[in-house]
Amino acid sequence: MNKRQAMIAAALTTLCASAMTIVQAADANASKEKCFGIAKAGQNDCASVMGTHSCAGQAKKDMDATEWKYVAKGTCEKAGGSTAMPKGAKAK
């Protein structure tokens, strides 16, 4: 195998590995749901649905109904949260 073939093989291997990682991440998220009102301060998973901040880890208080975390499907209500978007939330 010459250098060119080896480089092409390495590039294809990297591409295939990246594609598998994306598929696995999508499968993992398919079994989860957003749960509002259970995140502790600084432990939310993403932006506030009210638009007060745009990043994970910026919740200011525990159990804020506008902050959310991903949980396994079917476990949100058991944890004391809600899967319903709070009133006034900004839809994405």
C-alpha atoms as a PDB file:
ATOM      1  CA  MET A   1       0.000   0.000   0.000  1.00  0.00           C
ATOM      2  CA  ASN A   2       1.447   3.370  -0.912  1.00  0.00           C
ATOM      3  CA  LYS A   3       1.237   6.566   1.143  1.00  0.00           C
ATOM      4  CA  ARG A   4      -1.751   7.905  -0.802  1.00  0.00           C
ATOM      5  CA  GLN A   5      -3.782   4.753  -0.238  1.00  0.00           C
ATOM      6  CA  ALA A   6      -2.842   4.753   3.441  1.00  0.00           C
ATOM      7  CA  MET A   7      -3.975   8.369   3.822  1.00  0.00           C
ATOM      8  CA  ILE A   8      -7.290   7.639   2.091  1.00  0.00           C
ATOM      9  CA  ALA A   9      -7.838   4.592   4.306  1.00  0.00           C
ATOM     10  CA  ALA A  10      -7.095   6.628   7.439  1.00  0.00           C
ATOM     11  CA  ALA A  11      -9.473   9.378   6.334  1.00  0.00           C
ATOM     12  CA  LEU A  12     -12.272   6.882   5.654  1.00  0.00           C
ATOM     13  CA  THR A  13     -11.725   5.221   9.024  1.00  0.00           C
ATOM     14  CA  THR A  14     -12.004   8.596  10.775  1.00  0.00           C
ATOM     15  CA  LEU A  15     -15.139   9.465   8.819  1.00  0.00           C
ATOM     16  CA  CYS A  16     -16.803   6.161   9.699  1.00  0.00           C
ATOM     17  CA  ALA A  17     -15.912   6.527  13.379  1.00  0.00           C
ATOM     18  CA  SER A  18     -17.352  10.064  13.441  1.00  0.00           C
ATOM     19  CA  ALA A  19     -20.578   8.895  11.805  1.00  0.00           C
ATOM     20  CA  MET A  20     -20.988   6.147  14.398  1.00  0.00           C
ATOM     21  CA  THR A  21     -20.503   8.630  17.235  1.00  0.00           C
ATOM     22  CA  ILE A  22     -23.246  10.867  15.794  1.00  0.00           C
ATOM     23  CA  VAL A  23     -25.642   7.924  15.427  1.00  0.00           C
ATOM     24  CA  GLN A  24     -24.964   6.768  18.985  1.00  0.00           C
ATOM     25  CA  ALA A  25     -25.580  10.280  20.350  1.00  0.00           C
ATOM     26  CA  ALA A  26     -28.870  10.500  18.454  1.00  0.00           C
ATOM     27  CA  ASP A  27     -29.959   7.127  19.858  1.00  0.00           C
ATOM     28  CA  ALA A  28     -29.084   8.238  23.390  1.00  0.00           C
ATOM     29  CA  ASN A  29     -31.138  11.440  23.059  1.00  0.00           C
ATOM     30  CA  ALA A  30     -34.098   9.519  21.611  1.00  0.00           C
ATOM     31  CA  SER A  31     -34.542   7.763  24.962  1.00  0.00           C
ATOM     32  CA  LYS A  32     -34.512  11.032  26.937  1.00  0.00           C
ATOM     33  CA  GLU A  33     -36.885  13.930  27.462  1.00  0.00           C
ATOM     34  CA  LYS A  34     -36.648  17.482  28.769  1.00  0.00           C
ATOM     35  CA  CYS A  35     -37.790  17.711  32.363  1.00  0.00           C
ATOM     36  CA  PHE A  36     -38.619  21.184  33.694  1.00  0.00           C
ATOM     37  CA  GLY A  37     -38.330  22.177  37.329  1.00  0.00           C
ATOM     38  CA  ILE A  38     -35.844  19.582  38.612  1.00  0.00           C
ATOM     39  CA  ALA A  39     -32.475  21.199  37.871  1.00  0.00           C
ATOM     40  CA  LYS A  40     -30.466  22.472  40.800  1.00  0.00           C
ATOM     41  CA  ALA A  41     -28.712  25.841  40.547  1.00  0.00           C
ATOM     42  CA  GLY A  42     -25.872  25.593  38.052  1.00  0.00           C
ATOM     43  CA  GLN A  43     -26.889  22.109  36.866  1.00  0.00           C
ATOM     44  CA  ASN A  44     -29.333  22.798  34.021  1.00  0.00           C
ATOM     45  CA  ASP A  45     -28.634  21.094  30.684  1.00  0.00           C
ATOM     46  CA  CYS A  46     -29.122  24.016  28.304  1.00  0.00           C
ATOM     47  CA  ALA A  47     -30.582  27.483  27.780  1.00  0.00           C
ATOM     48  CA  SER A  48     -33.489  28.810  29.797  1.00  0.00           C
ATOM     49  CA  VAL A  49     -36.734  28.517  27.859  1.00  0.00           C
ATOM     50  CA  MET A  50     -37.529  32.060  28.955  1.00  0.00           C
ATOM     51  CA  GLY A  51     -34.413  33.434  27.241  1.00  0.00           C
ATOM     52  CA  THR A  52     -32.711  34.632  30.415  1.00  0.00           C
ATOM     53  CA  HIS A  53     -29.484  32.804  29.478  1.00  0.00           C
ATOM     54  CA  SER A  54     -28.227  30.646  26.645  1.00  0.00           C
ATOM     55  CA  CYS A  55     -25.946  28.046  28.222  1.00  0.00           C
ATOM     56  CA  ALA A  56     -25.911  24.959  30.395  1.00  0.00           C
ATOM     57  CA  GLY A  57     -24.932  25.407  34.016  1.00  0.00           C
ATOM     58  CA  GLN A  58     -26.344  28.922  34.397  1.00  0.00           C
ATOM     59  CA  ALA A  59     -29.504  28.221  36.411  1.00  0.00           C
ATOM     60  CA  LYS A  60     -29.619  30.667  39.325  1.00  0.00           C
ATOM     61  CA  LYS A  61     -31.894  28.744  41.699  1.00  0.00           C
ATOM     62  CA  ASP A  62     -32.901  25.178  42.491  1.00  0.00           C
ATOM     63  CA  MET A  63     -36.020  23.701  40.878  1.00  0.00           C
ATOM     64  CA  ASP A  64     -36.765  26.714  38.636  1.00  0.00           C
ATOM     65  CA  ALA A  65     -39.708  25.756  36.379  1.00  0.00           C
ATOM     66  CA  THR A  66     -38.026  27.445  33.389  1.00  0.00           C
ATOM     67  CA  GLU A  67     -34.826  25.381  33.651  1.00  0.00           C
ATOM     68  CA  TRP A  68     -34.563  21.805  32.452  1.00  0.00           C
ATOM     69  CA  LYS A  69     -32.450  18.654  32.432  1.00  0.00           C
ATOM     70  CA  TYR A  70     -32.545  15.593  30.207  1.00  0.00           C
ATOM     71  CA  VAL A  71     -33.890  12.526  31.997  1.00  0.00           C
ATOM     72  CA  ALA A  72     -34.816   9.018  30.870  1.00  0.00           C
ATOM     73  CA  LYS A  73     -38.257   8.962  29.256  1.00  0.00           C
ATOM     74  CA  GLY A  74     -41.022   8.331  31.748  1.00  0.00           C
ATOM     75  CA  THR A  75     -39.070   9.447  34.826  1.00  0.00           C
ATOM     76  CA  CYS A  76     -39.684  13.206  34.879  1.00  0.00           C
ATOM     77  CA  GLU A  77     -42.902  13.260  36.902  1.00  0.00           C
ATOM     78  CA  LYS A  78     -41.458  10.733  39.368  1.00  0.00           C
ATOM     79  CA  ALA A  79     -38.607  13.194  39.981  1.00  0.00           C
ATOM     80  CA  GLY A  80     -41.101  15.994  40.675  1.00  0.00           C
ATOM     81  CA  GLY A  81     -40.775  17.765  37.322  1.00  0.00           C
ATOM     82  CA  SER A  82     -42.909  18.370  34.277  1.00  0.00           C
ATOM     83  CA  THR A  83     -42.411  17.690  30.567  1.00  0.00           C
ATOM     84  CA  ALA A  84     -44.731  20.571  29.649  1.00  0.00           C
ATOM     85  CA  MET A  85     -43.144  23.868  28.588  1.00  0.00           C
ATOM     86  CA  PRO A  86     -43.836  26.622  31.133  1.00  0.00           C
ATOM     87  CA  LYS A  87     -46.215  29.431  30.165  1.00  0.00           C
ATOM     88  CA  GLY A  88     -44.480  32.226  28.294  1.00  0.00           C
ATOM     89  CA  ALA A  89     -41.629  29.988  27.117  1.00  0.00           C
ATOM     90  CA  LYS A  90     -39.849  30.854  23.901  1.00  0.00           C
ATOM     91  CA  ALA A  91     -40.280  27.963  21.471  1.00  0.00           C
ATOM     92  CA  LYS A  92     -37.256  26.975  19.408  1.00  0.00           C
END
